Amino acid sequence: MTDEGSSFPDVEGNPANTVSNDEVVRLWARFRGGDVVPCPRDDSAFALAVDGAAKSYRLVCTKCGLSSPWFGTTPTGLVLRGHSTLLEDGSDGSA
């Protein structure tokens, strides 16, 4: 997969590391079904990041860091919670 024709638009404020909200549902369905979901930027696999306290998840590329917004799961679908805010040093404060 390449960026050309991708449905992963740049998101203002964090263009290098975000996946559109619309694409999260499709990616999550594939990931949850057991597929290895490739990053559209570099073909590396997405991994699941978990915030147990917030009961939230996000998909993150294991190589380039492209990530989905945080989301929760319900019996009727996903609840999108938003993107992480980057700090001045470029990190998301999770380290």
Protein backbone atom coordinates (compact mmCIF):
# COMPACT_ATOMS: atom_id res chain seq x y z
CA MET A 1 0.00 0.00 0.00
CA THR A 2 1.14 3.53 -0.63
CA ASP A 3 0.03 7.03 0.26
CA GLU A 4 -1.19 7.52 -3.31
CA GLY A 5 -4.96 7.16 -3.33
CA SER A 6 -5.02 6.44 0.38
CA SER A 7 -8.04 7.34 2.46
CA PHE A 8 -5.74 8.54 5.24
CA PRO A 9 -5.90 12.34 4.94
CA ASP A 10 -3.56 14.70 6.71
CA VAL A 11 -5.13 16.01 9.89
CA GLU A 12 -4.37 19.61 10.78
CA GLY A 13 -2.12 19.90 13.82
CA ASN A 14 -0.70 16.38 13.52
CA PRO A 15 -0.44 15.53 9.83
CA ALA A 16 2.30 12.91 10.11
CA ASN A 17 0.74 10.63 12.71
CA THR A 18 -3.00 10.32 12.31
CA VAL A 19 -5.59 8.07 10.70
CA SER A 20 -9.00 9.43 9.77
CA ASN A 21 -11.97 8.61 12.00
CA ASP A 22 -13.77 7.00 9.07
CA GLU A 23 -10.98 4.51 8.49
CA VAL A 24 -10.80 3.32 12.12
CA VAL A 25 -13.93 1.17 11.87
CA ARG A 26 -12.60 -0.70 8.83
CA LEU A 27 -9.13 -1.17 10.32
CA TRP A 28 -10.53 -2.34 13.67
CA ALA A 29 -12.78 -4.91 11.99
CA ARG A 30 -9.80 -6.37 10.13
CA PHE A 31 -7.54 -6.29 13.21
CA ARG A 32 -10.20 -7.84 15.44
CA GLY A 33 -10.79 -10.54 12.81
CA GLY A 34 -7.16 -11.62 13.16
CA ASP A 35 -5.69 -9.95 10.09
CA VAL A 36 -2.31 -8.28 10.13
CA VAL A 37 -3.30 -4.73 9.18
CA PRO A 38 -0.56 -3.00 7.15
CA CYS A 39 0.23 0.67 7.49
CA PRO A 40 -0.66 2.58 4.31
CA ARG A 41 2.53 4.61 4.67
CA ASP A 42 5.18 1.89 4.99
CA ASP A 43 3.44 -1.54 4.99
CA SER A 44 4.55 -2.31 8.56
CA ALA A 45 1.98 -3.85 10.88
CA PHE A 46 -0.37 -1.93 13.13
CA ALA A 47 -0.26 -2.81 16.84
CA LEU A 48 -2.94 -2.16 19.43
CA ALA A 49 -2.19 0.44 22.11
CA VAL A 50 -4.35 0.06 25.22
CA ASP A 51 -5.23 2.58 27.94
CA GLY A 52 -6.82 0.29 30.53
CA ALA A 53 -7.82 3.10 32.88
CA ALA A 54 -9.80 4.87 30.15
CA LYS A 55 -10.93 1.62 28.47
CA SER A 56 -9.62 3.03 25.20
CA TYR A 57 -7.63 1.64 22.30
CA ARG A 58 -5.84 2.93 19.23
CA LEU A 59 -4.02 1.33 16.34
CA VAL A 60 -0.39 2.43 15.91
CA CYS A 61 2.09 1.58 13.16
CA THR A 62 5.01 -0.34 14.63
CA LYS A 63 7.50 1.46 12.39
CA CYS A 64 6.42 5.02 11.51
CA GLY A 65 3.96 5.77 14.34
CA LEU A 66 0.89 6.51 12.19
CA SER A 67 -2.01 6.15 14.62
CA SER A 68 -5.75 6.11 14.83
CA PRO A 69 -7.72 8.23 17.26
CA TRP A 70 -8.41 6.62 20.63
CA PHE A 71 -11.65 4.64 20.62
CA GLY A 72 -13.77 2.49 22.88
CA THR A 73 -15.80 -0.56 21.95
CA THR A 74 -19.48 -1.20 22.63
CA PRO A 75 -21.86 -3.96 21.52
CA THR A 76 -23.22 -1.60 18.87
CA GLY A 77 -19.91 -0.30 17.50
CA LEU A 78 -16.99 2.00 18.21
CA VAL A 79 -16.99 5.22 20.19
CA LEU A 80 -14.28 7.53 18.84
CA ARG A 81 -12.58 9.55 21.57
CA GLY A 82 -10.08 11.66 19.66
CA HIS A 83 -6.39 11.89 18.91
CA SER A 84 -3.60 12.23 21.43
CA THR A 85 -2.27 15.73 21.87
CA LEU A 86 1.44 16.06 21.19
CA LEU A 87 3.62 17.89 23.67
CA GLU A 88 6.16 20.51 22.59
CA ASP A 89 8.88 17.84 22.41
CA GLY A 90 6.78 15.86 19.89
CA SER A 91 5.88 13.08 22.34
CA ASP A 92 2.42 12.18 23.54
CA GLY A 93 3.57 11.98 27.17
CA SER A 94 3.08 8.21 27.40
CA ALA A 95 6.74 7.31 27.93
